[in-house]
PDB file of N, CA and C in Angstrom:
ATOM      1  N   PHE A   1      -7.138  -7.345  21.243  1.00  0.00           N
ATOM      2  CA  PHE A   1      -8.279  -7.977  20.606  1.00  0.00           C
ATOM      3  C   PHE A   1      -9.233  -8.541  21.661  1.00  0.00           C
ATOM      4  N   ALA A   2      -8.693  -9.138  22.713  1.00  0.00           N
ATOM      5  CA  ALA A   2      -9.531  -9.745  23.749  1.00  0.00           C
ATOM      6  C   ALA A   2     -10.460  -8.733  24.406  1.00  0.00           C
ATOM      7  N   ALA A   3     -10.043  -7.490  24.472  1.00  0.00           N
ATOM      8  CA  ALA A   3     -10.876  -6.463  25.088  1.00  0.00           C
ATOM      9  C   ALA A   3     -12.147  -6.199  24.284  1.00  0.00           C
ATOM     10  N   LEU A   4     -12.143  -6.591  23.022  1.00  0.00           N
ATOM     11  CA  LEU A   4     -13.314  -6.382  22.174  1.00  0.00           C
ATOM     12  C   LEU A   4     -14.323  -7.523  22.274  1.00  0.00           C
ATOM     13  N   VAL A   5     -13.982  -8.575  22.990  1.00  0.00           N
ATOM     14  CA  VAL A   5     -14.826  -9.769  23.072  1.00  0.00           C
ATOM     15  C   VAL A   5     -15.658  -9.737  24.344  1.00  0.00           C
ATOM     16  N   THR A   6     -16.940 -10.005  24.190  1.00  0.00           N
ATOM     17  CA  THR A   6     -17.813 -10.186  25.347  1.00  0.00           C
ATOM     18  C   THR A   6     -18.480 -11.555  25.210  1.00  0.00           C
ATOM     19  N   THR A   7     -18.784 -12.150  26.323  1.00  0.00           N
ATOM     20  CA  THR A   7     -19.485 -13.431  26.307  1.00  0.00           C
ATOM     21  C   THR A   7     -20.774 -13.301  27.082  1.00  0.00           C
ATOM     22  N   GLU A   8     -21.745 -14.069  26.651  1.00  0.00           N
ATOM     23  CA  GLU A   8     -23.027 -14.095  27.355  1.00  0.00           C
ATOM     24  C   GLU A   8     -23.700 -15.421  27.050  1.00  0.00           C
ATOM     25  N   VAL A   9     -24.625 -15.776  27.873  1.00  0.00           N
ATOM     26  CA  VAL A   9     -25.365 -17.022  27.684  1.00  0.00           C
ATOM     27  C   VAL A   9     -26.430 -16.796  26.620  1.00  0.00           C
ATOM     28  N   ASP A  10     -26.438 -17.667  25.620  1.00  0.00           N
ATOM     29  CA  ASP A  10     -27.473 -17.616  24.592  1.00  0.00           C
ATOM     30  C   ASP A  10     -28.656 -18.449  25.080  1.00  0.00           C
ATOM     31  N   PRO A  11     -29.842 -17.880  25.191  1.00  0.00           N
ATOM     32  CA  PRO A  11     -30.984 -18.615  25.741  1.00  0.00           C
ATOM     33  C   PRO A  11     -31.314 -19.894  24.975  1.00  0.00           C
ATOM     34  N   LEU A  12     -31.250 -19.870  23.647  1.00  0.00           N
ATOM     35  CA  LEU A  12     -31.564 -21.066  22.871  1.00  0.00           C
ATOM     36  C   LEU A  12     -30.526 -22.154  23.105  1.00  0.00           C
ATOM     37  N   ALA A  13     -29.252 -21.794  23.032  1.00  0.00           N
ATOM     38  CA  ALA A  13     -28.195 -22.787  23.265  1.00  0.00           C
ATOM     39  C   ALA A  13     -28.294 -23.336  24.688  1.00  0.00           C
ATOM     40  N   GLU A  14     -28.568 -22.486  25.641  1.00  0.00           N
ATOM     41  CA  GLU A  14     -28.685 -22.933  27.036  1.00  0.00           C
ATOM     42  C   GLU A  14     -29.868 -23.877  27.212  1.00  0.00           C
ATOM     43  N   SER A  15     -30.979 -23.606  26.525  1.00  0.00           N
ATOM     44  CA  SER A  15     -32.153 -24.469  26.664  1.00  0.00           C
ATOM     45  C   SER A  15     -31.909 -25.852  26.064  1.00  0.00           C
ATOM     46  N   GLU A  16     -31.008 -25.932  25.106  1.00  0.00           N
ATOM     47  CA  GLU A  16     -30.692 -27.216  24.462  1.00  0.00           C
ATOM     48  C   GLU A  16     -29.477 -27.891  25.086  1.00  0.00           C
ATOM     49  N   ARG A  17     -28.894 -27.285  26.079  1.00  0.00           N
ATOM     50  CA  ARG A  17     -27.612 -27.710  26.632  1.00  0.00           C
ATOM     51  C   ARG A  17     -27.564 -29.169  27.047  1.00  0.00           C
ATOM     52  N   ARG A  18     -28.588 -29.684  27.633  1.00  0.00           N
ATOM     53  CA  ARG A  18     -28.574 -31.072  28.116  1.00  0.00           C
ATOM     54  C   ARG A  18     -28.400 -32.063  26.977  1.00  0.00           C
ATOM     55  N   ASP A  19     -28.865 -31.699  25.797  1.00  0.00           N
ATOM     56  CA  ASP A  19     -28.834 -32.635  24.673  1.00  0.00           C
ATOM     57  C   ASP A  19     -27.658 -32.456  23.731  1.00  0.00           C
ATOM     58  N   ASN A  20     -27.097 -31.246  23.660  1.00  0.00           N
ATOM     59  CA  ASN A  20     -26.136 -31.066  22.586  1.00  0.00           C
ATOM     60  C   ASN A  20     -24.997 -30.094  22.816  1.00  0.00           C
ATOM     61  N   MET A  21     -24.986 -29.303  23.850  1.00  0.00           N
ATOM     62  CA  MET A  21     -23.902 -28.361  24.123  1.00  0.00           C
ATOM     63  C   MET A  21     -23.630 -27.428  22.939  1.00  0.00           C
ATOM     64  N   GLY A  22     -24.668 -26.921  22.324  1.00  0.00           N
ATOM     65  CA  GLY A  22     -24.527 -26.023  21.187  1.00  0.00           C
ATOM     66  C   GLY A  22     -24.014 -24.651  21.590  1.00  0.00           C
ATOM     67  N   THR A  23     -23.730 -23.860  20.584  1.00  0.00           N
ATOM     68  CA  THR A  23     -23.233 -22.506  20.831  1.00  0.00           C
ATOM     69  C   THR A  23     -23.610 -21.589  19.673  1.00  0.00           C
ATOM     70  N   VAL A  24     -23.599 -20.309  19.955  1.00  0.00           N
ATOM     71  CA  VAL A  24     -23.855 -19.283  18.951  1.00  0.00           C
ATOM     72  C   VAL A  24     -22.706 -18.284  19.026  1.00  0.00           C
ATOM     73  N   VAL A  25     -22.177 -17.907  17.874  1.00  0.00           N
ATOM     74  CA  VAL A  25     -21.160 -16.861  17.814  1.00  0.00           C
ATOM     75  C   VAL A  25     -21.746 -15.723  16.999  1.00  0.00           C
ATOM     76  N   ARG A  26     -21.708 -14.549  17.581  1.00  0.00           N
ATOM     77  CA  ARG A  26     -22.243 -13.362  16.920  1.00  0.00           C
ATOM     78  C   ARG A  26     -21.133 -12.310  16.886  1.00  0.00           C
ATOM     79  N   VAL A  27     -20.858 -11.788  15.715  1.00  0.00           N
ATOM     80  CA  VAL A  27     -19.809 -10.790  15.531  1.00  0.00           C
ATOM     81  C   VAL A  27     -20.447  -9.532  14.960  1.00  0.00           C
ATOM     82  N   THR A  28     -20.150  -8.421  15.596  1.00  0.00           N
ATOM     83  CA  THR A  28     -20.584  -7.131  15.065  1.00  0.00           C
ATOM     84  C   THR A  28     -19.351  -6.449  14.483  1.00  0.00           C
ATOM     85  N   THR A  29     -19.416  -6.152  13.205  1.00  0.00           N
ATOM     86  CA  THR A  29     -18.271  -5.550  12.523  1.00  0.00           C
ATOM     87  C   THR A  29     -18.205  -4.048  12.776  1.00  0.00           C
ATOM     88  N   ARG A  30     -17.101  -3.446  12.436  1.00  0.00           N
ATOM     89  CA  ARG A  30     -16.932  -2.008  12.637  1.00  0.00           C
ATOM     90  C   ARG A  30     -17.949  -1.193  11.852  1.00  0.00           C
ATOM     91  N   ASP A  31     -18.403  -1.748  10.718  1.00  0.00           N
ATOM     92  CA  ASP A  31     -19.391  -1.011   9.927  1.00  0.00           C
ATOM     93  C   ASP A  31     -20.825  -1.304  10.364  1.00  0.00           C
ATOM     94  N   GLY A  32     -20.992  -2.011  11.499  1.00  0.00           N
ATOM     95  CA  GLY A  32     -22.313  -2.226  12.077  1.00  0.00           C
ATOM     96  C   GLY A  32     -23.021  -3.501  11.666  1.00  0.00           C
ATOM     97  N   ARG A  33     -22.451  -4.263  10.742  1.00  0.00           N
ATOM     98  CA  ARG A  33     -23.081  -5.527  10.347  1.00  0.00           C
ATOM     99  C   ARG A  33     -22.961  -6.540  11.487  1.00  0.00           C
ATOM    100  N   THR A  34     -23.953  -7.416  11.588  1.00  0.00           N
ATOM    101  CA  THR A  34     -23.910  -8.506  12.555  1.00  0.00           C
ATOM    102  C   THR A  34     -23.862  -9.818  11.801  1.00  0.00           C
ATOM    103  N   LEU A  35     -22.854 -10.602  12.086  1.00  0.00           N
ATOM    104  CA  LEU A  35     -22.683 -11.925  11.486  1.00  0.00           C
ATOM    105  C   LEU A  35     -22.884 -12.948  12.588  1.00  0.00           C
ATOM    106  N   GLU A  36     -23.626 -13.992  12.279  1.00  0.00           N
ATOM    107  CA  GLU A  36     -23.935 -14.979  13.312  1.00  0.00           C
ATOM    108  C   GLU A  36     -23.814 -16.387  12.749  1.00  0.00           C
ATOM    109  N   ALA A  37     -23.282 -17.262  13.552  1.00  0.00           N
ATOM    110  CA  ALA A  37     -23.203 -18.680  13.188  1.00  0.00           C
ATOM    111  C   ALA A  37     -23.599 -19.496  14.409  1.00  0.00           C
ATOM    112  N   ARG A  38     -24.345 -20.544  14.156  1.00  0.00           N
ATOM    113  CA  ARG A  38     -24.797 -21.422  15.237  1.00  0.00           C
ATOM    114  C   ARG A  38     -24.277 -22.823  14.977  1.00  0.00           C
ATOM    115  N   GLN A  39     -23.698 -23.416  16.009  1.00  0.00           N
ATOM    116  CA  GLN A  39     -23.256 -24.799  15.937  1.00  0.00           C
ATOM    117  C   GLN A  39     -24.134 -25.553  16.921  1.00  0.00           C
ATOM    118  N   ARG A  40     -25.050 -26.316  16.397  1.00  0.00           N
ATOM    119  CA  ARG A  40     -26.016 -26.972  17.271  1.00  0.00           C
ATOM    120  C   ARG A  40     -25.376 -28.052  18.125  1.00  0.00           C
ATOM    121  N   TYR A  41     -24.485 -28.811  17.542  1.00  0.00           N
ATOM    122  CA  TYR A  41     -23.843 -29.895  18.284  1.00  0.00           C
ATOM    123  C   TYR A  41     -22.344 -29.654  18.362  1.00  0.00           C
ATOM    124  N   SER A  42     -21.787 -29.768  19.541  1.00  0.00           N
ATOM    125  CA  SER A  42     -20.362 -29.576  19.727  1.00  0.00           C
ATOM    126  C   SER A  42     -19.576 -30.573  18.893  1.00  0.00           C
ATOM    127  N   LYS A  43     -18.419 -30.138  18.443  1.00  0.00           N
ATOM    128  CA  LYS A  43     -17.546 -31.005  17.672  1.00  0.00           C
ATOM    129  C   LYS A  43     -17.162 -32.208  18.526  1.00  0.00           C
ATOM    130  N   GLY A  44     -17.290 -33.373  17.954  1.00  0.00           N
ATOM    131  CA  GLY A  44     -16.954 -34.604  18.658  1.00  0.00           C
ATOM    132  C   GLY A  44     -18.162 -35.399  19.124  1.00  0.00           C
ATOM    133  N   LEU A  45     -19.329 -34.753  19.152  1.00  0.00           N
ATOM    134  CA  LEU A  45     -20.541 -35.499  19.485  1.00  0.00           C
ATOM    135  C   LEU A  45     -20.926 -36.371  18.285  1.00  0.00           C
ATOM    136  N   PRO A  46     -21.687 -37.427  18.503  1.00  0.00           N
ATOM    137  CA  PRO A  46     -22.072 -38.289  17.375  1.00  0.00           C
ATOM    138  C   PRO A  46     -22.755 -37.536  16.235  1.00  0.00           C
ATOM    139  N   GLN A  47     -23.479 -36.473  16.555  1.00  0.00           N
ATOM    140  CA  GLN A  47     -24.169 -35.701  15.527  1.00  0.00           C
ATOM    141  C   GLN A  47     -23.219 -34.778  14.751  1.00  0.00           C
ATOM    142  N   ASN A  48     -22.015 -34.581  15.256  1.00  0.00           N
ATOM    143  CA  ASN A  48     -21.023 -33.711  14.623  1.00  0.00           C
ATOM    144  C   ASN A  48     -19.628 -34.305  14.870  1.00  0.00           C
ATOM    145  N   PRO A  49     -19.380 -35.484  14.313  1.00  0.00           N
ATOM    146  CA  PRO A  49     -18.126 -36.180  14.625  1.00  0.00           C
ATOM    147  C   PRO A  49     -16.897 -35.478  14.063  1.00  0.00           C
ATOM    148  N   MET A  50     -15.775 -35.732  14.728  1.00  0.00           N
ATOM    149  CA  MET A  50     -14.487 -35.246  14.230  1.00  0.00           C
ATOM    150  C   MET A  50     -14.007 -36.179  13.133  1.00  0.00           C
ATOM    151  N   SER A  51     -13.320 -35.612  12.160  1.00  0.00           N
ATOM    152  CA  SER A  51     -12.636 -36.442  11.175  1.00  0.00           C
ATOM    153  C   SER A  51     -11.416 -37.055  11.861  1.00  0.00           C
ATOM    154  N   ASP A  52     -10.828 -38.050  11.245  1.00  0.00           N
ATOM    155  CA  ASP A  52      -9.610 -38.639  11.804  1.00  0.00           C
ATOM    156  C   ASP A  52      -8.526 -37.577  11.954  1.00  0.00           C
ATOM    157  N   ALA A  53      -8.380 -36.713  10.959  1.00  0.00           N
ATOM    158  CA  ALA A  53      -7.355 -35.668  11.011  1.00  0.00           C
ATOM    159  C   ALA A  53      -7.613 -34.689  12.156  1.00  0.00           C
ATOM    160  N   GLU A  54      -8.869 -34.330  12.378  1.00  0.00           N
ATOM    161  CA  GLU A  54      -9.204 -33.426  13.485  1.00  0.00           C
ATOM    162  C   GLU A  54      -8.913 -34.084  14.825  1.00  0.00           C
ATOM    163  N   PHE A  55      -9.239 -35.366  14.934  1.00  0.00           N
ATOM    164  CA  PHE A  55      -8.994 -36.090  16.183  1.00  0.00           C
ATOM    165  C   PHE A  55      -7.497 -36.166  16.469  1.00  0.00           C
ATOM    166  N   VAL A  56      -6.713 -36.505  15.442  1.00  0.00           N
ATOM    167  CA  VAL A  56      -5.259 -36.591  15.622  1.00  0.00           C
ATOM    168  C   VAL A  56      -4.696 -35.221  15.988  1.00  0.00           C
ATOM    169  N   ALA A  57      -5.169 -34.158  15.349  1.00  0.00           N
ATOM    170  CA  ALA A  57      -4.684 -32.808  15.662  1.00  0.00           C
ATOM    171  C   ALA A  57      -5.009 -32.432  17.104  1.00  0.00           C
ATOM    172  N   LYS A  58      -6.202 -32.754  17.563  1.00  0.00           N
ATOM    173  CA  LYS A  58      -6.567 -32.441  18.948  1.00  0.00           C
ATOM    174  C   LYS A  58      -5.718 -33.255  19.909  1.00  0.00           C
ATOM    175  N   PHE A  59      -5.592 -34.556  19.654  1.00  0.00           N
ATOM    176  CA  PHE A  59      -4.784 -35.428  20.500  1.00  0.00           C
ATOM    177  C   PHE A  59      -3.345 -34.920  20.559  1.00  0.00           C
ATOM    178  N   THR A  60      -2.783 -34.635  19.405  1.00  0.00           N
ATOM    179  CA  THR A  60      -1.396 -34.189  19.331  1.00  0.00           C
ATOM    180  C   THR A  60      -1.201 -32.878  20.088  1.00  0.00           C
ATOM    181  N   GLY A  61      -2.128 -31.951  19.921  1.00  0.00           N
ATOM    182  CA  GLY A  61      -2.028 -30.679  20.621  1.00  0.00           C
ATOM    183  C   GLY A  61      -2.044 -30.822  22.131  1.00  0.00           C
ATOM    184  N   LEU A  62      -2.755 -31.817  22.632  1.00  0.00           N
ATOM    185  CA  LEU A  62      -2.826 -32.046  24.079  1.00  0.00           C
ATOM    186  C   LEU A  62      -1.649 -32.863  24.597  1.00  0.00           C
ATOM    187  N   VAL A  63      -1.151 -33.779  23.783  1.00  0.00           N
ATOM    188  CA  VAL A  63      -0.129 -34.715  24.237  1.00  0.00           C
ATOM    189  C   VAL A  63       1.294 -34.190  24.084  1.00  0.00           C
ATOM    190  N   VAL A  64       1.564 -33.466  23.007  1.00  0.00           N
ATOM    191  CA  VAL A  64       2.933 -33.002  22.759  1.00  0.00           C
ATOM    192  C   VAL A  64       3.521 -32.230  23.946  1.00  0.00           C
ATOM    193  N   PRO A  65       2.788 -31.306  24.576  1.00  0.00           N
ATOM    194  CA  PRO A  65       3.389 -30.601  25.714  1.00  0.00           C
ATOM    195  C   PRO A  65       3.728 -31.526  26.897  1.00  0.00           C
ATOM    196  N   GLN A  66       3.055 -32.643  26.987  1.00  0.00           N
ATOM    197  CA  GLN A  66       3.279 -33.556  28.110  1.00  0.00           C
ATOM    198  C   GLN A  66       4.301 -34.646  27.803  1.00  0.00           C
ATOM    199  N   LEU A  67       4.229 -35.221  26.617  1.00  0.00           N
ATOM    200  CA  LEU A  67       5.060 -36.375  26.289  1.00  0.00           C
ATOM    201  C   LEU A  67       6.070 -36.111  25.183  1.00  0.00           C
ATOM    202  N   GLY A  68       5.910 -35.017  24.459  1.00  0.00           N
ATOM    203  CA  GLY A  68       6.806 -34.702  23.351  1.00  0.00           C
ATOM    204  C   GLY A  68       6.247 -35.160  22.016  1.00  0.00           C
ATOM    205  N   ALA A  69       6.755 -34.554  20.956  1.00  0.00           N
ATOM    206  CA  ALA A  69       6.256 -34.824  19.611  1.00  0.00           C
ATOM    207  C   ALA A  69       6.543 -36.249  19.164  1.00  0.00           C
ATOM    208  N   ALA A  70       7.716 -36.757  19.473  1.00  0.00           N
ATOM    209  CA  ALA A  70       8.069 -38.113  19.034  1.00  0.00           C
ATOM    210  C   ALA A  70       7.158 -39.154  19.674  1.00  0.00           C
ATOM    211  N   ALA A  71       6.905 -39.004  20.966  1.00  0.00           N
ATOM    212  CA  ALA A  71       6.019 -39.959  21.650  1.00  0.00           C
ATOM    213  C   ALA A  71       4.599 -39.846  21.111  1.00  0.00           C
ATOM    214  N   ALA A  72       4.132 -38.627  20.878  1.00  0.00           N
ATOM    215  CA  ALA A  72       2.784 -38.446  20.342  1.00  0.00           C
ATOM    216  C   ALA A  72       2.660 -39.128  18.988  1.00  0.00           C
ATOM    217  N   GLU A  73       3.682 -38.979  18.157  1.00  0.00           N
ATOM    218  CA  GLU A  73       3.657 -39.604  16.836  1.00  0.00           C
ATOM    219  C   GLU A  73       3.655 -41.134  16.947  1.00  0.00           C
ATOM    220  N   ARG A  74       4.430 -41.674  17.883  1.00  0.00           N
ATOM    221  CA  ARG A  74       4.454 -43.133  18.067  1.00  0.00           C
ATOM    222  C   ARG A  74       3.102 -43.648  18.580  1.00  0.00           C
ATOM    223  N   ILE A  75       2.466 -42.888  19.459  1.00  0.00           N
ATOM    224  CA  ILE A  75       1.154 -43.296  19.974  1.00  0.00           C
ATOM    225  C   ILE A  75       0.131 -43.297  18.843  1.00  0.00           C
ATOM    226  N   VAL A  76       0.102 -42.230  18.056  1.00  0.00           N
ATOM    227  CA  VAL A  76      -0.836 -42.141  16.929  1.00  0.00           C
ATOM    228  C   VAL A  76      -0.595 -43.306  15.979  1.00  0.00           C
ATOM    229  N   ASP A  77       0.662 -43.572  15.663  1.00  0.00           N
ATOM    230  CA  ASP A  77       0.996 -44.682  14.766  1.00  0.00           C
ATOM    231  C   ASP A  77       0.516 -46.006  15.350  1.00  0.00           C
ATOM    232  N   GLY A  78       0.746 -46.210  16.631  1.00  0.00           N
ATOM    233  CA  GLY A  78       0.318 -47.457  17.279  1.00  0.00           C
ATOM    234  C   GLY A  78      -1.186 -47.623  17.280  1.00  0.00           C
ATOM    235  N   VAL A  79      -1.897 -46.554  17.560  1.00  0.00           N
ATOM    236  CA  VAL A  79      -3.360 -46.629  17.585  1.00  0.00           C
ATOM    237  C   VAL A  79      -3.899 -46.865  16.179  1.00  0.00           C
ATOM    238  N   GLU A  80      -3.277 -46.225  15.186  1.00  0.00           N
ATOM    239  CA  GLU A  80      -3.727 -46.447  13.810  1.00  0.00           C
ATOM    240  C   GLU A  80      -3.506 -47.890  13.361  1.00  0.00           C
ATOM    241  N   ARG A  81      -2.547 -48.574  13.982  1.00  0.00           N
ATOM    242  CA  ARG A  81      -2.263 -49.975  13.641  1.00  0.00           C
ATOM    243  C   ARG A  81      -2.819 -50.942  14.685  1.00  0.00           C
ATOM    244  N   LEU A  82      -3.651 -50.460  15.577  1.00  0.00           N
ATOM    245  CA  LEU A  82      -4.141 -51.255  16.704  1.00  0.00           C
ATOM    246  C   LEU A  82      -4.715 -52.598  16.280  1.00  0.00           C
ATOM    247  N   ASP A  83      -5.459 -52.608  15.201  1.00  0.00           N
ATOM    248  CA  ASP A  83      -6.081 -53.855  14.759  1.00  0.00           C
ATOM    249  C   ASP A  83      -5.066 -54.852  14.197  1.00  0.00           C
ATOM    250  N   ARG A  84      -3.827 -54.416  13.982  1.00  0.00           N
ATOM    251  CA  ARG A  84      -2.802 -55.302  13.440  1.00  0.00           C
ATOM    252  C   ARG A  84      -1.705 -55.634  14.447  1.00  0.00           C
ATOM    253  N   LEU A  85      -1.812 -55.090  15.662  1.00  0.00           N
ATOM    254  CA  LEU A  85      -0.802 -55.364  16.681  1.00  0.00           C
ATOM    255  C   LEU A  85      -1.048 -56.717  17.324  1.00  0.00           C
ATOM    256  N   ASP A  86       0.034 -57.459  17.562  1.00  0.00           N
ATOM    257  CA  ASP A  86      -0.079 -58.728  18.273  1.00  0.00           C
ATOM    258  C   ASP A  86      -0.285 -58.504  19.758  1.00  0.00           C
ATOM    259  N   ASP A  87       0.296 -57.411  20.273  1.00  0.00           N
ATOM    260  CA  ASP A  87       0.244 -57.159  21.711  1.00  0.00           C
ATOM    261  C   ASP A  87       0.146 -55.647  21.941  1.00  0.00           C
ATOM    262  N   THR A  88      -0.940 -55.211  22.531  1.00  0.00           N
ATOM    263  CA  THR A  88      -1.134 -53.777  22.768  1.00  0.00           C
ATOM    264  C   THR A  88      -0.289 -53.264  23.930  1.00  0.00           C
ATOM    265  N   ALA A  89       0.335 -54.157  24.674  1.00  0.00           N
ATOM    266  CA  ALA A  89       1.180 -53.743  25.797  1.00  0.00           C
ATOM    267  C   ALA A  89       2.321 -52.847  25.341  1.00  0.00           C
ATOM    268  N   ALA A  90       2.733 -52.943  24.100  1.00  0.00           N
ATOM    269  CA  ALA A  90       3.816 -52.106  23.581  1.00  0.00           C
ATOM    270  C   ALA A  90       3.437 -50.628  23.589  1.00  0.00           C
ATOM    271  N   LEU A  91       2.149 -50.326  23.589  1.00  0.00           N
ATOM    272  CA  LEU A  91       1.712 -48.928  23.619  1.00  0.00           C
ATOM    273  C   LEU A  91       1.811 -48.320  25.014  1.00  0.00           C
ATOM    274  N   MET A  92       1.707 -49.114  26.037  1.00  0.00           N
ATOM    275  CA  MET A  92       1.632 -48.600  27.410  1.00  0.00           C
ATOM    276  C   MET A  92       2.824 -47.727  27.805  1.00  0.00           C
ATOM    277  N   PRO A  93       4.062 -48.123  27.531  1.00  0.00           N
ATOM    278  CA  PRO A  93       5.187 -47.254  27.923  1.00  0.00           C
ATOM    279  C   PRO A  93       5.163 -45.886  27.239  1.00  0.00           C
ATOM    280  N   LEU A  94       4.537 -45.801  26.096  1.00  0.00           N
ATOM    281  CA  LEU A  94       4.460 -44.533  25.383  1.00  0.00           C
ATOM    282  C   LEU A  94       3.556 -43.519  26.087  1.00  0.00           C
ATOM    283  N   LEU A  95       2.708 -44.005  26.970  1.00  0.00           N
ATOM    284  CA  LEU A  95       1.716 -43.158  27.625  1.00  0.00           C
ATOM    285  C   LEU A  95       2.228 -42.552  28.939  1.00  0.00           C
ATOM    286  N   VAL A  96       3.506 -42.773  29.242  1.00  0.00           N
ATOM    287  CA  VAL A  96       4.097 -42.277  30.491  1.00  0.00           C
ATOM    288  C   VAL A  96       5.211 -41.300  30.151  1.00  0.00           C
ATOM    289  N   ARG A  97       5.226 -40.171  30.824  1.00  0.00           N
ATOM    290  CA  ARG A  97       6.289 -39.185  30.600  1.00  0.00           C
ATOM    291  C   ARG A  97       7.634 -39.790  30.953  1.00  0.00           C
ATOM    292  N   GLN A  98       8.644 -39.449  30.168  1.00  0.00           N
ATOM    293  CA  GLN A  98       9.992 -39.965  30.397  1.00  0.00           C
ATOM    294  C   GLN A  98      10.493 -39.639  31.796  1.00  0.00           C
ATOM    295  N   ASP A  99      10.271 -38.426  32.286  1.00  0.00           N
ATOM    296  CA  ASP A  99      10.760 -38.041  33.604  1.00  0.00           C
ATOM    297  C   ASP A  99       9.965 -38.657  34.743  1.00  0.00           C
ATOM    298  N   ALA A 100       8.831 -39.310  34.437  1.00  0.00           N
ATOM    299  CA  ALA A 100       8.008 -39.958  35.454  1.00  0.00           C
ATOM    300  C   ALA A 100       8.387 -41.430  35.636  1.00  0.00           C
ATOM    301  N   ARG A 101       9.166 -41.947  34.690  1.00  0.00           N
ATOM    302  CA  ARG A 101       9.572 -43.351  34.777  1.00  0.00           C
ATOM    303  C   ARG A 101      10.638 -43.522  35.839  1.00  0.00           C
ATOM    304  N   ALA A 102      10.520 -44.579  36.604  1.00  0.00           N
ATOM    305  CA  ALA A 102      11.489 -44.801  37.696  1.00  0.00           C
ATOM    306  C   ALA A 102      12.645 -45.633  37.228  1.00  0.00           C
TER     307      ALA A 102
END
């Protein structure tokens, strides 16, 4: 499938790059149709914010390979309760890999 993909700089997206990091995806189907979608603002920018679920999914996807699923879940739980914690220091040990602890 990767051999069928080509990338190129879109002039409009590139001209707007300083403000929004937009992108254009264009797909040409086997029957010759061209389908195009433009995302003006990258996901996560104030103009296109992530939902809480999207943010947690992205965080989890990045953290699980480093800290494990259980630690990622504890971090998410702690952050979701941040406004109710008496001491945020309890979160700090969760942010260090087990094999990195001395």
